[in-house]
C-alpha atoms as a PDB file:
ATOM      1  CA  UNK A   1     121.449  72.752 131.211  1.00  0.00           C
ATOM      2  CA  UNK A   2     117.974  73.269 132.632  1.00  0.00           C
ATOM      3  CA  UNK A   3     119.030  76.623 134.053  1.00  0.00           C
ATOM      4  CA  UNK A   4     120.330  77.676 130.618  1.00  0.00           C
ATOM      5  CA  UNK A   5     117.109  76.632 128.906  1.00  0.00           C
ATOM      6  CA  UNK A   6     115.062  78.415 131.547  1.00  0.00           C
ATOM      7  CA  UNK A   7     117.172  81.544 131.092  1.00  0.00           C
ATOM      8  CA  UNK A   8     116.732  81.401 127.295  1.00  0.00           C
ATOM      9  CA  UNK A   9     112.977  80.891 127.664  1.00  0.00           C
ATOM     10  CA  UNK A  10     112.771  83.844 130.050  1.00  0.00           C
ATOM     11  CA  UNK A  11     114.772  86.033 127.676  1.00  0.00           C
ATOM     12  CA  UNK A  12     112.560  85.079 124.748  1.00  0.00           C
ATOM     13  CA  UNK A  13     109.479  85.818 126.821  1.00  0.00           C
ATOM     14  CA  UNK A  14     110.815  89.249 127.734  1.00  0.00           C
ATOM     15  CA  UNK A  15     111.641  89.992 124.078  1.00  0.00           C
ATOM     16  CA  UNK A  16     108.193  88.906 122.926  1.00  0.00           C
ATOM     17  CA  UNK A  17     106.536  91.014 125.627  1.00  0.00           C
ATOM     18  CA  UNK A  18     108.684  94.027 124.682  1.00  0.00           C
ATOM     19  CA  UNK A  19     107.763  93.583 121.027  1.00  0.00           C
ATOM     20  CA  UNK A  20     104.058  93.385 121.887  1.00  0.00           C
ATOM     21  CA  UNK A  21     104.274  96.514 124.021  1.00  0.00           C
ATOM     22  CA  UNK A  22     106.173  98.376 121.283  1.00  0.00           C
ATOM     23  CA  UNK A  23     103.621  97.349 118.678  1.00  0.00           C
ATOM     24  CA  UNK A  24     100.767  98.353 120.983  1.00  0.00           C
ATOM     25  CA  UNK A  25     102.263 101.809 121.449  1.00  0.00           C
ATOM     26  CA  UNK A  26     102.851 102.136 117.712  1.00  0.00           C
ATOM     27  CA  UNK A  27      99.272 101.094 116.972  1.00  0.00           C
ATOM     28  CA  UNK A  28      97.999 103.625 119.497  1.00  0.00           C
ATOM     29  CA  UNK A  29     100.053 106.457 117.981  1.00  0.00           C
ATOM     30  CA  UNK A  30      98.907 105.499 114.479  1.00  0.00           C
ATOM     31  CA  UNK A  31      95.277 105.346 115.583  1.00  0.00           C
ATOM     32  CA  UNK A  32      95.515 108.759 117.219  1.00  0.00           C
ATOM     33  CA  UNK A  33      97.219 110.251 114.181  1.00  0.00           C
ATOM     34  CA  UNK A  34      94.512 108.939 111.877  1.00  0.00           C
ATOM     35  CA  UNK A  35      91.773 110.250 114.171  1.00  0.00           C
ATOM     36  CA  UNK A  36      93.124 113.806 114.250  1.00  0.00           C
ATOM     37  CA  UNK A  37      91.229 116.363 112.184  1.00  0.00           C
ATOM     38  CA  UNK A  38      92.446 119.347 110.173  1.00  0.00           C
ATOM     39  CA  UNK A  39      90.518 122.397 109.009  1.00  0.00           C
ATOM     40  CA  UNK A  40      90.998 123.406 105.369  1.00  0.00           C
ATOM     41  CA  UNK A  41      89.606 126.778 104.330  1.00  0.00           C
ATOM     42  CA  UNK A  42      91.440 127.715 101.149  1.00  0.00           C
ATOM     43  CA  UNK A  43      89.674 130.189  98.831  1.00  0.00           C
ATOM     44  CA  UNK A  44      87.089 128.418  96.629  1.00  0.00           C
ATOM     45  CA  UNK A  45      88.276 127.222  93.241  1.00  0.00           C
ATOM     46  CA  UNK A  46      86.678 128.092  89.920  1.00  0.00           C
ATOM     47  CA  UNK A  47      86.941 125.086  87.631  1.00  0.00           C
ATOM     48  CA  UNK A  48      87.618 125.539  83.930  1.00  0.00           C
ATOM     49  CA  UNK A  49      84.976 124.213  81.552  1.00  0.00           C
ATOM     50  CA  UNK A  50      86.712 124.803  78.225  1.00  0.00           C
ATOM     51  CA  UNK A  51      88.711 122.263  76.246  1.00  0.00           C
ATOM     52  CA  UNK A  52      92.008 124.024  76.960  1.00  0.00           C
ATOM     53  CA  UNK A  53      91.439 123.865  80.717  1.00  0.00           C
ATOM     54  CA  UNK A  54      90.610 120.161  80.621  1.00  0.00           C
ATOM     55  CA  UNK A  55      93.614 119.479  78.381  1.00  0.00           C
ATOM     56  CA  UNK A  56      95.838 121.230  80.907  1.00  0.00           C
ATOM     57  CA  UNK A  57      94.257 119.165  83.680  1.00  0.00           C
ATOM     58  CA  UNK A  58      95.029 115.978  81.763  1.00  0.00           C
ATOM     59  CA  UNK A  59      98.632 117.114  81.296  1.00  0.00           C
ATOM     60  CA  UNK A  60      98.934 117.642  85.043  1.00  0.00           C
ATOM     61  CA  UNK A  61      97.242 114.308  85.786  1.00  0.00           C
ATOM     62  CA  UNK A  62      99.940 112.540  83.795  1.00  0.00           C
ATOM     63  CA  UNK A  63     103.040 114.618  84.514  1.00  0.00           C
ATOM     64  CA  UNK A  64     102.383 115.082  88.239  1.00  0.00           C
ATOM     65  CA  UNK A  65     102.143 111.323  88.754  1.00  0.00           C
ATOM     66  CA  UNK A  66      98.394 110.891  89.304  1.00  0.00           C
ATOM     67  CA  UNK A  67      98.136 108.376  86.483  1.00  0.00           C
ATOM     68  CA  UNK A  68     101.232 106.538  87.668  1.00  0.00           C
ATOM     69  CA  UNK A  69      99.531 105.664  90.967  1.00  0.00           C
ATOM     70  CA  UNK A  70      95.818 105.707  90.164  1.00  0.00           C
ATOM     71  CA  UNK A  71      96.130 104.385  86.611  1.00  0.00           C
ATOM     72  CA  UNK A  72      95.692 106.139  83.281  1.00  0.00           C
ATOM     73  CA  UNK A  73      91.914 105.932  83.687  1.00  0.00           C
ATOM     74  CA  UNK A  74      91.968 106.926  87.376  1.00  0.00           C
ATOM     75  CA  UNK A  75      90.266 103.665  88.357  1.00  0.00           C
ATOM     76  CA  UNK A  76      92.890 102.756  90.954  1.00  0.00           C
ATOM     77  CA  UNK A  77      95.402  99.937  91.242  1.00  0.00           C
ATOM     78  CA  UNK A  78      97.921  98.146  93.433  1.00  0.00           C
ATOM     79  CA  UNK A  79     101.015 100.383  93.334  1.00  0.00           C
ATOM     80  CA  UNK A  80     103.331  98.068  95.261  1.00  0.00           C
ATOM     81  CA  UNK A  81     103.371  95.627  98.147  1.00  0.00           C
ATOM     82  CA  UNK A  82     105.887  96.800 100.725  1.00  0.00           C
ATOM     83  CA  UNK A  83     105.791  93.571 102.748  1.00  0.00           C
ATOM     84  CA  UNK A  84     105.679  94.230 106.499  1.00  0.00           C
ATOM     85  CA  UNK A  85     105.571  98.009 105.958  1.00  0.00           C
ATOM     86  CA  UNK A  86     102.671  98.803 103.683  1.00  0.00           C
ATOM     87  CA  UNK A  87     100.493  97.525 100.881  1.00  0.00           C
ATOM     88  CA  UNK A  88      99.972 100.634  98.781  1.00  0.00           C
ATOM     89  CA  UNK A  89      96.714 100.654  96.852  1.00  0.00           C
ATOM     90  CA  UNK A  90      95.714 103.833  95.031  1.00  0.00           C
ATOM     91  CA  UNK A  91      91.913 104.199  95.123  1.00  0.00           C
ATOM     92  CA  UNK A  92      89.477 104.717  92.283  1.00  0.00           C
ATOM     93  CA  UNK A  93      89.231 108.496  91.795  1.00  0.00           C
ATOM     94  CA  UNK A  94      86.770 108.491  88.918  1.00  0.00           C
ATOM     95  CA  UNK A  95      83.328 110.051  89.547  1.00  0.00           C
ATOM     96  CA  UNK A  96      82.069 106.607  90.613  1.00  0.00           C
ATOM     97  CA  UNK A  97      84.927 106.136  93.103  1.00  0.00           C
ATOM     98  CA  UNK A  98      85.932 107.866  96.318  1.00  0.00           C
ATOM     99  CA  UNK A  99      85.367 111.357  94.879  1.00  0.00           C
ATOM    100  CA  UNK A 100      81.686 110.639  94.247  1.00  0.00           C
ATOM    101  CA  UNK A 101      79.602 113.389  95.803  1.00  0.00           C
ATOM    102  CA  UNK A 102      82.604 115.530  96.763  1.00  0.00           C
ATOM    103  CA  UNK A 103      82.856 119.206  95.934  1.00  0.00           C
ATOM    104  CA  UNK A 104      85.740 120.609  93.927  1.00  0.00           C
ATOM    105  CA  UNK A 105      87.200 122.160  97.063  1.00  0.00           C
ATOM    106  CA  UNK A 106      87.023 118.857  98.962  1.00  0.00           C
ATOM    107  CA  UNK A 107      88.939 117.147  96.148  1.00  0.00           C
ATOM    108  CA  UNK A 108      91.447 120.009  96.184  1.00  0.00           C
ATOM    109  CA  UNK A 109      91.864 119.565  99.955  1.00  0.00           C
ATOM    110  CA  UNK A 110      92.685 115.905  99.404  1.00  0.00           C
ATOM    111  CA  UNK A 111      95.281 116.814  96.777  1.00  0.00           C
ATOM    112  CA  UNK A 112      97.006 119.758  98.454  1.00  0.00           C
ATOM    113  CA  UNK A 113      96.377 119.016 102.130  1.00  0.00           C
ATOM    114  CA  UNK A 114      96.026 115.233 102.283  1.00  0.00           C
ATOM    115  CA  UNK A 115      92.755 115.700 104.163  1.00  0.00           C
ATOM    116  CA  UNK A 116      89.476 113.825 103.758  1.00  0.00           C
ATOM    117  CA  UNK A 117      86.085 115.584 103.677  1.00  0.00           C
ATOM    118  CA  UNK A 118      85.630 114.803 107.387  1.00  0.00           C
ATOM    119  CA  UNK A 119      88.948 116.476 108.194  1.00  0.00           C
ATOM    120  CA  UNK A 120      90.862 113.291 108.954  1.00  0.00           C
ATOM    121  CA  UNK A 121      94.228 112.713 107.259  1.00  0.00           C
ATOM    122  CA  UNK A 122      94.677 110.550 104.191  1.00  0.00           C
ATOM    123  CA  UNK A 123      97.198 107.722 104.390  1.00  0.00           C
ATOM    124  CA  UNK A 124     100.346 108.013 102.275  1.00  0.00           C
ATOM    125  CA  UNK A 125      98.853 110.507  99.844  1.00  0.00           C
ATOM    126  CA  UNK A 126     101.925 112.335  98.377  1.00  0.00           C
ATOM    127  CA  UNK A 127     100.594 115.709  99.454  1.00  0.00           C
ATOM    128  CA  UNK A 128     104.112 117.087  99.730  1.00  0.00           C
ATOM    129  CA  UNK A 129     104.292 116.974  95.937  1.00  0.00           C
ATOM    130  CA  UNK A 130     101.101 119.027  95.564  1.00  0.00           C
ATOM    131  CA  UNK A 131     100.832 121.319  98.575  1.00  0.00           C
ATOM    132  CA  UNK A 132     102.041 124.396  96.665  1.00  0.00           C
ATOM    133  CA  UNK A 133     100.262 123.657  93.389  1.00  0.00           C
ATOM    134  CA  UNK A 134      98.711 126.871  92.123  1.00  0.00           C
ATOM    135  CA  UNK A 135      94.983 127.487  92.308  1.00  0.00           C
ATOM    136  CA  UNK A 136      94.768 127.528  88.507  1.00  0.00           C
ATOM    137  CA  UNK A 137      96.597 124.212  88.144  1.00  0.00           C
ATOM    138  CA  UNK A 138      94.644 122.608  90.985  1.00  0.00           C
ATOM    139  CA  UNK A 139      91.353 123.713  89.449  1.00  0.00           C
ATOM    140  CA  UNK A 140      92.352 122.262  86.071  1.00  0.00           C
ATOM    141  CA  UNK A 141      93.391 118.982  87.691  1.00  0.00           C
ATOM    142  CA  UNK A 142      90.139 118.695  89.663  1.00  0.00           C
ATOM    143  CA  UNK A 143      88.114 119.496  86.526  1.00  0.00           C
ATOM    144  CA  UNK A 144      89.882 116.702  84.651  1.00  0.00           C
ATOM    145  CA  UNK A 145      89.317 114.219  87.501  1.00  0.00           C
ATOM    146  CA  UNK A 146      85.613 115.102  87.468  1.00  0.00           C
ATOM    147  CA  UNK A 147      85.552 114.514  83.711  1.00  0.00           C
ATOM    148  CA  UNK A 148      87.064 111.018  83.872  1.00  0.00           C
ATOM    149  CA  UNK A 149      84.768 108.208  82.702  1.00  0.00           C
ATOM    150  CA  UNK A 150      83.110 106.658  85.736  1.00  0.00           C
ATOM    151  CA  UNK A 151      84.503 103.261  86.666  1.00  0.00           C
ATOM    152  CA  UNK A 152      83.166 100.699  89.138  1.00  0.00           C
ATOM    153  CA  UNK A 153      86.631  99.210  89.650  1.00  0.00           C
ATOM    154  CA  UNK A 154      87.518  98.284  93.228  1.00  0.00           C
ATOM    155  CA  UNK A 155      91.339  98.033  93.477  1.00  0.00           C
ATOM    156  CA  UNK A 156      91.244  96.854  97.091  1.00  0.00           C
ATOM    157  CA  UNK A 157      92.281  98.500 100.327  1.00  0.00           C
ATOM    158  CA  UNK A 158      95.529 100.073 101.424  1.00  0.00           C
ATOM    159  CA  UNK A 159      97.019  98.192 104.368  1.00  0.00           C
ATOM    160  CA  UNK A 160      99.232  99.662 107.083  1.00  0.00           C
ATOM    161  CA  UNK A 161     101.288  96.774 108.395  1.00  0.00           C
ATOM    162  CA  UNK A 162     103.083  96.340 111.754  1.00  0.00           C
ATOM    163  CA  UNK A 163     106.515  97.546 110.651  1.00  0.00           C
ATOM    164  CA  UNK A 164     104.923 100.560 108.989  1.00  0.00           C
ATOM    165  CA  UNK A 165     103.235 101.491 112.269  1.00  0.00           C
ATOM    166  CA  UNK A 166     106.481 101.015 114.161  1.00  0.00           C
ATOM    167  CA  UNK A 167     108.414 103.187 111.693  1.00  0.00           C
ATOM    168  CA  UNK A 168     105.704 105.855 111.815  1.00  0.00           C
ATOM    169  CA  UNK A 169     105.800 105.880 115.627  1.00  0.00           C
ATOM    170  CA  UNK A 170     109.581 106.433 115.467  1.00  0.00           C
ATOM    171  CA  UNK A 171     109.232 109.261 112.956  1.00  0.00           C
ATOM    172  CA  UNK A 172     110.826 107.241 110.161  1.00  0.00           C
ATOM    173  CA  UNK A 173     107.839 106.868 107.857  1.00  0.00           C
ATOM    174  CA  UNK A 174     105.623 109.642 106.372  1.00  0.00           C
ATOM    175  CA  UNK A 175     102.413 107.699 106.841  1.00  0.00           C
ATOM    176  CA  UNK A 176     100.188 110.754 107.369  1.00  0.00           C
ATOM    177  CA  UNK A 177     101.589 113.612 105.246  1.00  0.00           C
ATOM    178  CA  UNK A 178      98.894 116.019 106.478  1.00  0.00           C
ATOM    179  CA  UNK A 179     100.909 116.289 109.694  1.00  0.00           C
ATOM    180  CA  UNK A 180     103.648 118.162 107.815  1.00  0.00           C
ATOM    181  CA  UNK A 181     101.579 120.489 105.633  1.00  0.00           C
ATOM    182  CA  UNK A 182     100.798 124.151 106.197  1.00  0.00           C
ATOM    183  CA  UNK A 183      97.003 124.184 106.405  1.00  0.00           C
ATOM    184  CA  UNK A 184      96.637 127.945 106.705  1.00  0.00           C
ATOM    185  CA  UNK A 185      94.114 129.343 104.181  1.00  0.00           C
ATOM    186  CA  UNK A 186      95.812 130.993 101.209  1.00  0.00           C
ATOM    187  CA  UNK A 187      95.830 131.359  97.464  1.00  0.00           C
ATOM    188  CA  UNK A 188      98.703 129.838  95.515  1.00  0.00           C
ATOM    189  CA  UNK A 189     100.172 131.280  92.320  1.00  0.00           C
ATOM    190  CA  UNK A 190     102.708 129.592  90.040  1.00  0.00           C
ATOM    191  CA  UNK A 191     105.704 131.460  88.598  1.00  0.00           C
ATOM    192  CA  UNK A 192     105.363 132.501  84.950  1.00  0.00           C
ATOM    193  CA  UNK A 193     105.634 129.519  82.610  1.00  0.00           C
ATOM    194  CA  UNK A 194     109.038 129.437  80.976  1.00  0.00           C
ATOM    195  CA  UNK A 195     112.419 127.637  80.861  1.00  0.00           C
ATOM    196  CA  UNK A 196     113.488 129.276  84.104  1.00  0.00           C
ATOM    197  CA  UNK A 197     114.830 127.977  87.395  1.00  0.00           C
ATOM    198  CA  UNK A 198     111.880 129.591  89.194  1.00  0.00           C
ATOM    199  CA  UNK A 199     109.348 127.664  87.147  1.00  0.00           C
ATOM    200  CA  UNK A 200     111.524 124.555  87.391  1.00  0.00           C
ATOM    201  CA  UNK A 201     111.456 124.783  91.172  1.00  0.00           C
ATOM    202  CA  UNK A 202     107.669 124.884  91.057  1.00  0.00           C
ATOM    203  CA  UNK A 203     107.567 121.788  88.837  1.00  0.00           C
ATOM    204  CA  UNK A 204     110.227 119.939  90.851  1.00  0.00           C
ATOM    205  CA  UNK A 205     107.998 119.920  93.932  1.00  0.00           C
ATOM    206  CA  UNK A 206     106.378 116.934  92.260  1.00  0.00           C
ATOM    207  CA  UNK A 207     109.700 115.059  92.398  1.00  0.00           C
ATOM    208  CA  UNK A 208     110.297 115.402  96.129  1.00  0.00           C
ATOM    209  CA  UNK A 209     108.138 112.470  97.201  1.00  0.00           C
ATOM    210  CA  UNK A 210     110.607 110.024  95.671  1.00  0.00           C
ATOM    211  CA  UNK A 211     113.862 111.988  95.456  1.00  0.00           C
ATOM    212  CA  UNK A 212     113.564 113.709  98.848  1.00  0.00           C
ATOM    213  CA  UNK A 213     112.906 117.268  99.913  1.00  0.00           C
ATOM    214  CA  UNK A 214     116.395 118.329  98.802  1.00  0.00           C
ATOM    215  CA  UNK A 215     116.271 116.099  95.679  1.00  0.00           C
ATOM    216  CA  UNK A 216     119.464 114.381  96.848  1.00  0.00           C
ATOM    217  CA  UNK A 217     117.938 110.916  96.531  1.00  0.00           C
ATOM    218  CA  UNK A 218     116.610 108.492  99.106  1.00  0.00           C
ATOM    219  CA  UNK A 219     115.046 105.102  99.555  1.00  0.00           C
ATOM    220  CA  UNK A 220     111.487 105.762  98.422  1.00  0.00           C
ATOM    221  CA  UNK A 221     109.305 105.644 101.562  1.00  0.00           C
ATOM    222  CA  UNK A 222     107.184 102.538 101.897  1.00  0.00           C
ATOM    223  CA  UNK A 223     108.900 100.556  99.145  1.00  0.00           C
ATOM    224  CA  UNK A 224     110.497  97.162  99.822  1.00  0.00           C
ATOM    225  CA  UNK A 225     114.220  97.160 100.751  1.00  0.00           C
ATOM    226  CA  UNK A 226     115.001  95.590  97.375  1.00  0.00           C
ATOM    227  CA  UNK A 227     113.911  98.770  95.557  1.00  0.00           C
ATOM    228  CA  UNK A 228     116.779 100.926  94.361  1.00  0.00           C
ATOM    229  CA  UNK A 229     116.962 104.405  95.908  1.00  0.00           C
ATOM    230  CA  UNK A 230     115.803 107.377  93.879  1.00  0.00           C
ATOM    231  CA  UNK A 231     118.670 109.149  92.165  1.00  0.00           C
ATOM    232  CA  UNK A 232     120.525 112.117  93.609  1.00  0.00           C
ATOM    233  CA  UNK A 233     119.465 114.992  91.335  1.00  0.00           C
ATOM    234  CA  UNK A 234     121.853 117.574  92.770  1.00  0.00           C
ATOM    235  CA  UNK A 235     124.974 118.442  90.736  1.00  0.00           C
ATOM    236  CA  UNK A 236     126.898 115.820  92.715  1.00  0.00           C
ATOM    237  CA  UNK A 237     124.544 113.051  91.667  1.00  0.00           C
ATOM    238  CA  UNK A 238     124.102 114.195  88.073  1.00  0.00           C
ATOM    239  CA  UNK A 239     127.850 114.596  87.627  1.00  0.00           C
ATOM    240  CA  UNK A 240     128.715 115.031  83.970  1.00  0.00           C
ATOM    241  CA  UNK A 241     125.104 114.910  82.776  1.00  0.00           C
ATOM    242  CA  UNK A 242     124.155 117.558  80.228  1.00  0.00           C
ATOM    243  CA  UNK A 243     120.690 118.931  79.549  1.00  0.00           C
ATOM    244  CA  UNK A 244     120.478 116.636  76.507  1.00  0.00           C
ATOM    245  CA  UNK A 245     121.141 113.642  78.788  1.00  0.00           C
ATOM    246  CA  UNK A 246     118.435 114.784  81.201  1.00  0.00           C
ATOM    247  CA  UNK A 247     116.015 115.255  78.330  1.00  0.00           C
ATOM    248  CA  UNK A 248     116.773 111.776  77.012  1.00  0.00           C
ATOM    249  CA  UNK A 249     116.267 110.274  80.471  1.00  0.00           C
ATOM    250  CA  UNK A 250     112.766 111.747  80.637  1.00  0.00           C
ATOM    251  CA  UNK A 251     111.873 111.122  77.007  1.00  0.00           C
ATOM    252  CA  UNK A 252     113.362 107.640  76.530  1.00  0.00           C
ATOM    253  CA  UNK A 253     114.155 106.268  79.992  1.00  0.00           C
ATOM    254  CA  UNK A 254     117.856 106.018  79.141  1.00  0.00           C
ATOM    255  CA  UNK A 255     120.956 107.121  81.044  1.00  0.00           C
ATOM    256  CA  UNK A 256     123.813 108.880  79.236  1.00  0.00           C
ATOM    257  CA  UNK A 257     125.543 105.510  78.709  1.00  0.00           C
ATOM    258  CA  UNK A 258     122.412 104.089  77.092  1.00  0.00           C
ATOM    259  CA  UNK A 259     121.422 101.821  80.005  1.00  0.00           C
ATOM    260  CA  UNK A 260     117.766 101.687  80.990  1.00  0.00           C
ATOM    261  CA  UNK A 261     116.493 103.615  83.991  1.00  0.00           C
ATOM    262  CA  UNK A 262     114.727 101.497  86.616  1.00  0.00           C
ATOM    263  CA  UNK A 263     111.094 101.096  85.502  1.00  0.00           C
ATOM    264  CA  UNK A 264     109.877 102.277  88.917  1.00  0.00           C
ATOM    265  CA  UNK A 265     110.893 105.742  87.739  1.00  0.00           C
ATOM    266  CA  UNK A 266     107.767 106.951  85.865  1.00  0.00           C
ATOM    267  CA  UNK A 267     109.703 108.372  82.940  1.00  0.00           C
ATOM    268  CA  UNK A 268     106.906 107.499  80.515  1.00  0.00           C
ATOM    269  CA  UNK A 269     104.658 109.958  82.346  1.00  0.00           C
ATOM    270  CA  UNK A 270     107.391 112.582  82.334  1.00  0.00           C
ATOM    271  CA  UNK A 271     108.016 112.007  78.637  1.00  0.00           C
ATOM    272  CA  UNK A 272     104.913 114.092  77.999  1.00  0.00           C
ATOM    273  CA  UNK A 273     106.471 117.150  79.648  1.00  0.00           C
ATOM    274  CA  UNK A 274     106.958 119.984  77.206  1.00  0.00           C
ATOM    275  CA  UNK A 275     110.458 120.967  76.075  1.00  0.00           C
ATOM    276  CA  UNK A 276     109.994 124.163  78.053  1.00  0.00           C
ATOM    277  CA  UNK A 277     109.112 122.273  81.225  1.00  0.00           C
ATOM    278  CA  UNK A 278     112.134 119.979  80.893  1.00  0.00           C
ATOM    279  CA  UNK A 279     114.420 122.974  80.357  1.00  0.00           C
ATOM    280  CA  UNK A 280     112.926 124.631  83.434  1.00  0.00           C
ATOM    281  CA  UNK A 281     113.536 121.534  85.550  1.00  0.00           C
ATOM    282  CA  UNK A 282     117.111 121.296  84.313  1.00  0.00           C
ATOM    283  CA  UNK A 283     117.712 124.978  85.035  1.00  0.00           C
ATOM    284  CA  UNK A 284     116.471 124.513  88.597  1.00  0.00           C
ATOM    285  CA  UNK A 285     118.540 121.383  89.234  1.00  0.00           C
ATOM    286  CA  UNK A 286     121.653 123.346  88.329  1.00  0.00           C
ATOM    287  CA  UNK A 287     120.942 125.752  91.193  1.00  0.00           C
ATOM    288  CA  UNK A 288     120.775 123.045  93.875  1.00  0.00           C
ATOM    289  CA  UNK A 289     123.616 122.833  96.380  1.00  0.00           C
ATOM    290  CA  UNK A 290     125.713 119.703  95.796  1.00  0.00           C
ATOM    291  CA  UNK A 291     124.895 116.882  98.200  1.00  0.00           C
ATOM    292  CA  UNK A 292     126.865 113.668  98.446  1.00  0.00           C
ATOM    293  CA  UNK A 293     124.937 110.592  97.353  1.00  0.00           C
ATOM    294  CA  UNK A 294     123.989 108.179 100.103  1.00  0.00           C
ATOM    295  CA  UNK A 295     125.363 104.678  99.862  1.00  0.00           C
ATOM    296  CA  UNK A 296     122.649 102.105  99.162  1.00  0.00           C
END
């Protein structure tokens, strides 16, 4: 009996030591990743100052998900608590928040490159959704952010937790999106606005953070296991959906059968998309190769 207990104690000790070593390596990789710097030298932006430009910036702020994370007023909020993975807190991005004193191009670098003014990467900023945003759209978005009423709100700090570090170290968690962005200097131009698949593809880049790079659905990175996976938006996942069903889903948060879409899906933000934008998205989704839905 004593030998068995000693063996069990030894095994537990080995497991604890292995876990500590694994966590130490994960912490080291995370620390190194966060210390790396990136150079951003995109052409300077010219911000709009007219009412139309600011209105377009507001439209982008809402429909590209900025308000869903940072709040309608941009003052920041707790987005979700992912338990042992991550506590996601979106910071205050009003002129009194983290953008205070930043140039337009530094704010643009944060949006499209996920890079801070000192060159270090931002944590869990959905840069993949914005990296190809056109210069005109980016300038309008930055102008609107600069025009937000200043708020002194402090929403708290984002926390990277042990499991999040472990998953990042194993390449299973996009903790530092700047690692996967093309940082080469270049101008970006959007396709002509219209109900076309080309324009829909441009808009759909903002859906990839949740639905995956191929829009075939996935468990949204960083969310608790209890969260339902994002829907497969390829023809396989949409099945018999028609454009009218897709429009209703974005306008009313309802599936074709009338059931409510999970509230984590920010359909209220997407409800402000224009009819033309929704038609463009639908046109693009029809061009996607069918991908089988993953079992949850």
